[in-house]
Amino acid sequence: MSANVQLPEHLIHIARNQAEQRGLSVDEWIAIAVADHLTGTEAAEEFFRNRAAGARRGALREALDAVPDNPPDPGDEL
């Protein structure tokens, strides 16, 4: 499958330079960059999905309730 993608000129320039440095075509370099991004995104989604699965209702409220109700330090006021 093939797709035409519109990219800003400055990104094409950067991609072309990096592809040349690695001995790749621009198409190959872009495919690798997209695959790396998707892999990273999927890994992040899985991490947060696993963290959420172990969450306990009320845990955030309990943690916040344990924080002392002190006035802000000088300079930290809103």
Protein backbone atom coordinates (compact mmCIF):
# COMPACT_ATOMS: atom_id res chain seq x y z
CA MET A 1 0.00 0.00 0.00
CA SER A 2 1.21 3.48 -0.77
CA ALA A 3 0.15 6.87 0.56
CA ASN A 4 0.97 10.40 -0.43
CA VAL A 5 1.79 12.55 2.57
CA GLN A 6 2.18 16.31 2.64
CA LEU A 7 5.00 17.54 4.91
CA PRO A 8 6.30 21.05 5.51
CA GLU A 9 9.47 21.83 3.53
CA HIS A 10 11.63 22.15 6.65
CA LEU A 11 10.67 18.61 7.74
CA ILE A 12 11.40 17.23 4.29
CA HIS A 13 14.80 18.92 4.39
CA ILE A 14 15.61 17.39 7.80
CA ALA A 15 14.35 13.96 6.71
CA ARG A 16 16.40 14.12 3.51
CA ASN A 17 19.57 15.04 5.43
CA GLN A 18 19.11 12.31 8.03
CA ALA A 19 18.23 9.73 5.37
CA GLU A 20 21.39 10.57 3.42
CA GLN A 21 23.53 10.27 6.57
CA ARG A 22 22.14 6.77 7.13
CA GLY A 23 22.25 5.65 3.52
CA LEU A 24 18.47 5.43 3.27
CA SER A 25 15.88 6.82 0.94
CA VAL A 26 13.61 9.50 2.37
CA ASP A 27 10.69 7.05 2.12
CA GLU A 28 12.62 4.44 4.14
CA TRP A 29 13.66 7.01 6.74
CA ILE A 30 10.09 8.29 7.15
CA ALA A 31 8.72 4.73 7.42
CA ILE A 32 11.23 3.94 10.18
CA ALA A 33 10.46 7.21 12.00
CA VAL A 34 6.71 6.53 11.90
CA ALA A 35 7.21 2.92 13.05
CA ASP A 36 9.39 4.08 15.96
CA HIS A 37 6.79 6.63 17.00
CA LEU A 38 3.93 4.12 16.81
CA THR A 39 5.90 1.55 18.80
CA GLY A 40 6.64 4.15 21.48
CA THR A 41 3.01 5.25 21.58
CA GLU A 42 1.76 1.68 21.92
CA ALA A 43 4.25 1.02 24.72
CA ALA A 44 3.13 4.15 26.57
CA GLU A 45 -0.53 3.23 26.15
CA GLU A 46 0.13 -0.26 27.50
CA PHE A 47 2.08 1.15 30.48
CA PHE A 48 -0.73 3.53 31.46
CA ARG A 49 -3.41 0.90 30.81
CA ASN A 50 -1.59 -1.47 33.20
CA ARG A 51 -1.16 1.28 35.78
CA ALA A 52 -4.85 2.18 35.56
CA ALA A 53 -5.86 -1.47 35.94
CA GLY A 54 -4.13 -1.55 39.34
CA ALA A 55 -5.66 1.72 40.52
CA ARG A 56 -7.92 1.69 43.54
CA ARG A 57 -10.91 4.00 43.87
CA GLY A 58 -10.33 6.65 46.48
CA ALA A 59 -6.53 6.27 46.50
CA LEU A 60 -5.95 9.77 45.12
CA ARG A 61 -8.28 11.32 47.71
CA GLU A 62 -6.49 9.42 50.48
CA ALA A 63 -3.11 10.66 49.27
CA LEU A 64 -4.31 14.25 49.02
CA ASP A 65 -5.92 14.05 52.47
CA ALA A 66 -2.55 12.98 53.91
CA VAL A 67 -0.89 16.22 52.71
CA PRO A 68 -0.72 18.85 55.47
CA ASP A 69 -2.80 21.97 54.90
CA ASN A 70 0.03 24.48 55.23
CA PRO A 71 0.16 27.89 53.62
CA PRO A 72 2.50 28.13 50.61
CA ASP A 73 6.12 29.05 51.12
CA PRO A 74 6.93 32.69 50.34
CA GLY A 75 7.13 33.09 46.57
CA ASP A 76 4.95 30.03 45.89
CA GLU A 77 1.64 31.87 46.33
CA LEU A 78 -0.80 32.05 43.42
